[in-house]
Amino acid sequence: MDYKWVGEESEINFALQAIRRGFVVAKPYGENSTYDFVVDYRGQISRVQVKSTSRELPNEEKCKVNISCGNRKNRRGYETLAVDFIAVHVRGLDLWYIIPTTEVARKKTLTLRPRADNISKFNQYEEAWHLMQQ
């Protein structure tokens, strides 16, 4: 599967997971937006950029995720004015990290260690869908 398909599959998965949790989900028209979805939970609106891991194997102890935006020559991290959350799909585990952009502003990559207690500061964001409900 090429990267475009992988990303689209994770976007569909995100929308389904969000709807199951009671969010209203909207997708901007076109591909010029800095975010993939707008989610609404009882009037709380959040802009979400969906990213996915490139590895599918569930036995990987860590995975790196490219969270930069822009083209290949001019990559930069997301600004908090453009996106509220980065939703990272760890495909092999079907696990989601819901990370506030303030935690990753200007970063280009993240190293995640799924289900490894207290090893990574990002583990507090595993399945943290509630952050978009506040």
C-alpha atoms as a PDB file:
ATOM      1  CA  MET A   1       0.000   0.000   0.000  1.00  0.00           C
ATOM      2  CA  ASP A   2       1.420   3.408  -0.855  1.00  0.00           C
ATOM      3  CA  TYR A   3       1.608   6.266   1.672  1.00  0.00           C
ATOM      4  CA  LYS A   4      -1.366   8.137   0.214  1.00  0.00           C
ATOM      5  CA  TRP A   5      -3.630   5.128   0.714  1.00  0.00           C
ATOM      6  CA  VAL A   6      -2.276   4.551   4.215  1.00  0.00           C
ATOM      7  CA  GLY A   7      -3.061   8.153   5.131  1.00  0.00           C
ATOM      8  CA  GLU A   8      -6.544   7.989   3.658  1.00  0.00           C
ATOM      9  CA  GLU A   9      -7.267   4.758   5.516  1.00  0.00           C
ATOM     10  CA  SER A  10      -6.226   6.392   8.801  1.00  0.00           C
ATOM     11  CA  GLU A  11      -8.386   9.430   8.059  1.00  0.00           C
ATOM     12  CA  ILE A  12     -11.440   7.208   7.552  1.00  0.00           C
ATOM     13  CA  ASN A  13     -10.574   5.343  10.749  1.00  0.00           C
ATOM     14  CA  PHE A  14     -10.266   8.633  12.650  1.00  0.00           C
ATOM     15  CA  ALA A  15     -13.677   9.834  11.460  1.00  0.00           C
ATOM     16  CA  LEU A  16     -15.290   6.536  12.464  1.00  0.00           C
ATOM     17  CA  GLN A  17     -13.638   6.528  15.903  1.00  0.00           C
ATOM     18  CA  ALA A  18     -14.643  10.153  16.525  1.00  0.00           C
ATOM     19  CA  ILE A  19     -18.267   9.573  15.483  1.00  0.00           C
ATOM     20  CA  ARG A  20     -18.461   6.534  17.794  1.00  0.00           C
ATOM     21  CA  ARG A  21     -17.353   8.815  20.645  1.00  0.00           C
ATOM     22  CA  GLY A  22     -20.080  11.355  19.993  1.00  0.00           C
ATOM     23  CA  PHE A  23     -18.233  13.918  17.874  1.00  0.00           C
ATOM     24  CA  VAL A  24     -19.689  15.610  14.827  1.00  0.00           C
ATOM     25  CA  VAL A  25     -17.032  15.342  12.124  1.00  0.00           C
ATOM     26  CA  ALA A  26     -16.539  17.612   9.118  1.00  0.00           C
ATOM     27  CA  LYS A  27     -13.940  17.360   6.349  1.00  0.00           C
ATOM     28  CA  PRO A  28     -12.784  20.553   4.618  1.00  0.00           C
ATOM     29  CA  TYR A  29     -13.295  20.619   0.877  1.00  0.00           C
ATOM     30  CA  GLY A  30     -10.081  20.420  -1.157  1.00  0.00           C
ATOM     31  CA  GLU A  31      -6.513  19.851  -0.011  1.00  0.00           C
ATOM     32  CA  ASN A  32      -5.387  23.372   0.885  1.00  0.00           C
ATOM     33  CA  SER A  33      -6.354  23.305   4.543  1.00  0.00           C
ATOM     34  CA  THR A  34      -3.737  22.875   7.275  1.00  0.00           C
ATOM     35  CA  TYR A  35      -5.977  20.323   9.001  1.00  0.00           C
ATOM     36  CA  ASP A  36      -7.831  17.185   7.928  1.00  0.00           C
ATOM     37  CA  PHE A  37     -10.977  17.459  10.064  1.00  0.00           C
ATOM     38  CA  VAL A  38     -13.045  19.767  12.183  1.00  0.00           C
ATOM     39  CA  VAL A  39     -14.618  17.961  15.125  1.00  0.00           C
ATOM     40  CA  ASP A  40     -17.427  19.327  17.248  1.00  0.00           C
ATOM     41  CA  TYR A  41     -18.285  18.001  20.677  1.00  0.00           C
ATOM     42  CA  ARG A  42     -21.228  19.869  22.197  1.00  0.00           C
ATOM     43  CA  GLY A  43     -20.050  23.146  20.726  1.00  0.00           C
ATOM     44  CA  GLN A  44     -16.333  22.615  21.404  1.00  0.00           C
ATOM     45  CA  ILE A  45     -14.710  22.921  17.958  1.00  0.00           C
ATOM     46  CA  SER A  46     -11.238  21.482  17.242  1.00  0.00           C
ATOM     47  CA  ARG A  47      -9.124  21.350  14.076  1.00  0.00           C
ATOM     48  CA  VAL A  48      -7.364  18.011  13.735  1.00  0.00           C
ATOM     49  CA  GLN A  49      -4.485  16.862  11.535  1.00  0.00           C
ATOM     50  CA  VAL A  50      -4.347  13.070  11.144  1.00  0.00           C
ATOM     51  CA  LYS A  51      -1.004  11.289  10.849  1.00  0.00           C
ATOM     52  CA  SER A  52      -0.248   7.583  10.758  1.00  0.00           C
ATOM     53  CA  THR A  53       2.684   5.339  11.414  1.00  0.00           C
ATOM     54  CA  SER A  54       4.311   3.654   8.459  1.00  0.00           C
ATOM     55  CA  ARG A  55       4.761   0.386  10.335  1.00  0.00           C
ATOM     56  CA  GLU A  56       1.964  -2.116  10.730  1.00  0.00           C
ATOM     57  CA  LEU A  57       3.753  -4.675  12.901  1.00  0.00           C
ATOM     58  CA  PRO A  58       2.251  -4.730  16.402  1.00  0.00           C
ATOM     59  CA  ASN A  59       5.506  -5.977  17.966  1.00  0.00           C
ATOM     60  CA  GLU A  60       7.488  -2.805  17.224  1.00  0.00           C
ATOM     61  CA  GLU A  61       8.627  -1.299  20.518  1.00  0.00           C
ATOM     62  CA  LYS A  62       8.758   2.221  19.116  1.00  0.00           C
ATOM     63  CA  CYS A  63       7.745   4.059  16.000  1.00  0.00           C
ATOM     64  CA  LYS A  64       8.660   7.373  14.442  1.00  0.00           C
ATOM     65  CA  VAL A  65       5.978   9.557  12.975  1.00  0.00           C
ATOM     66  CA  ASN A  66       6.525  12.435  10.575  1.00  0.00           C
ATOM     67  CA  ILE A  67       4.373  15.286  11.850  1.00  0.00           C
ATOM     68  CA  SER A  68       5.713  18.028   9.623  1.00  0.00           C
ATOM     69  CA  CYS A  69       3.667  19.994   7.149  1.00  0.00           C
ATOM     70  CA  GLY A  70       4.571  21.512   3.820  1.00  0.00           C
ATOM     71  CA  ASN A  71       6.284  19.935   0.869  1.00  0.00           C
ATOM     72  CA  ARG A  72       9.365  17.683   1.004  1.00  0.00           C
ATOM     73  CA  LYS A  73      11.782  20.606   0.533  1.00  0.00           C
ATOM     74  CA  ASN A  74      10.149  22.996   2.951  1.00  0.00           C
ATOM     75  CA  ARG A  75       8.975  20.922   5.906  1.00  0.00           C
ATOM     76  CA  ARG A  76       8.089  22.669   9.109  1.00  0.00           C
ATOM     77  CA  GLY A  77       6.216  21.827  12.275  1.00  0.00           C
ATOM     78  CA  TYR A  78       2.589  22.740  12.830  1.00  0.00           C
ATOM     79  CA  GLU A  79       1.801  26.069  14.396  1.00  0.00           C
ATOM     80  CA  THR A  80      -0.776  26.213  17.157  1.00  0.00           C
ATOM     81  CA  LEU A  81      -2.725  28.835  15.210  1.00  0.00           C
ATOM     82  CA  ALA A  82      -3.342  26.418  12.335  1.00  0.00           C
ATOM     83  CA  VAL A  83      -4.194  23.117  14.085  1.00  0.00           C
ATOM     84  CA  ASP A  84      -5.470  22.273  17.566  1.00  0.00           C
ATOM     85  CA  PHE A  85      -4.614  18.556  17.720  1.00  0.00           C
ATOM     86  CA  ILE A  86      -2.447  16.013  15.943  1.00  0.00           C
ATOM     87  CA  ALA A  87      -4.164  12.617  15.885  1.00  0.00           C
ATOM     88  CA  VAL A  88      -1.592   9.872  15.316  1.00  0.00           C
ATOM     89  CA  HIS A  89      -2.796   6.421  14.276  1.00  0.00           C
ATOM     90  CA  VAL A  90      -0.457   3.566  15.252  1.00  0.00           C
ATOM     91  CA  ARG A  91      -1.752   1.201  12.609  1.00  0.00           C
ATOM     92  CA  GLY A  92      -0.458  -2.152  13.858  1.00  0.00           C
ATOM     93  CA  LEU A  93      -2.125  -1.668  17.234  1.00  0.00           C
ATOM     94  CA  ASP A  94      -5.097   0.385  16.002  1.00  0.00           C
ATOM     95  CA  LEU A  95      -4.147   2.852  18.711  1.00  0.00           C
ATOM     96  CA  TRP A  96      -4.622   6.617  18.646  1.00  0.00           C
ATOM     97  CA  TYR A  97      -2.616   9.430  20.187  1.00  0.00           C
ATOM     98  CA  ILE A  98      -4.563  12.673  20.492  1.00  0.00           C
ATOM     99  CA  ILE A  99      -1.847  15.283  21.062  1.00  0.00           C
ATOM    100  CA  PRO A 100      -2.437  19.018  21.557  1.00  0.00           C
ATOM    101  CA  THR A 101      -0.457  21.005  19.020  1.00  0.00           C
ATOM    102  CA  THR A 102       1.063  23.031  21.862  1.00  0.00           C
ATOM    103  CA  GLU A 103       3.010  19.878  22.816  1.00  0.00           C
ATOM    104  CA  VAL A 104       4.517  19.374  19.359  1.00  0.00           C
ATOM    105  CA  ALA A 105       4.695  22.875  17.881  1.00  0.00           C
ATOM    106  CA  ARG A 106       7.608  23.196  15.460  1.00  0.00           C
ATOM    107  CA  LYS A 107       8.583  19.511  15.815  1.00  0.00           C
ATOM    108  CA  LYS A 108       9.028  17.588  12.587  1.00  0.00           C
ATOM    109  CA  THR A 109       8.986  14.044  13.964  1.00  0.00           C
ATOM    110  CA  LEU A 110       7.785  12.203  17.059  1.00  0.00           C
ATOM    111  CA  THR A 111       9.054   8.986  18.543  1.00  0.00           C
ATOM    112  CA  LEU A 112       6.230   7.068  20.169  1.00  0.00           C
ATOM    113  CA  ARG A 113       6.498   4.048  22.430  1.00  0.00           C
ATOM    114  CA  PRO A 114       2.992   2.603  22.483  1.00  0.00           C
ATOM    115  CA  ARG A 115       1.819   1.032  25.718  1.00  0.00           C
ATOM    116  CA  ALA A 116       5.169   1.618  27.450  1.00  0.00           C
ATOM    117  CA  ASP A 117       4.383   3.286  30.774  1.00  0.00           C
ATOM    118  CA  ASN A 118       6.335   6.432  31.618  1.00  0.00           C
ATOM    119  CA  ILE A 119       8.935   6.005  28.858  1.00  0.00           C
ATOM    120  CA  SER A 120       7.659   8.747  26.601  1.00  0.00           C
ATOM    121  CA  LYS A 121       6.012  12.038  27.510  1.00  0.00           C
ATOM    122  CA  PHE A 122       3.532  11.360  24.731  1.00  0.00           C
ATOM    123  CA  ASN A 123       2.114   8.224  26.373  1.00  0.00           C
ATOM    124  CA  GLN A 124      -0.272  10.418  28.358  1.00  0.00           C
ATOM    125  CA  TYR A 125      -1.961  11.124  25.022  1.00  0.00           C
ATOM    126  CA  GLU A 126      -2.741   7.481  24.143  1.00  0.00           C
ATOM    127  CA  GLU A 127      -6.470   7.350  23.380  1.00  0.00           C
ATOM    128  CA  ALA A 128      -6.862  10.843  24.892  1.00  0.00           C
ATOM    129  CA  TRP A 129     -10.035  11.639  22.941  1.00  0.00           C
ATOM    130  CA  HIS A 130     -11.371  13.431  26.029  1.00  0.00           C
ATOM    131  CA  LEU A 131      -8.986  16.337  25.328  1.00  0.00           C
ATOM    132  CA  MET A 132     -11.191  17.343  22.390  1.00  0.00           C
ATOM    133  CA  GLN A 133     -14.212  17.306  24.702  1.00  0.00           C
ATOM    134  CA  GLN A 134     -13.019  20.055  27.045  1.00  0.00           C
END
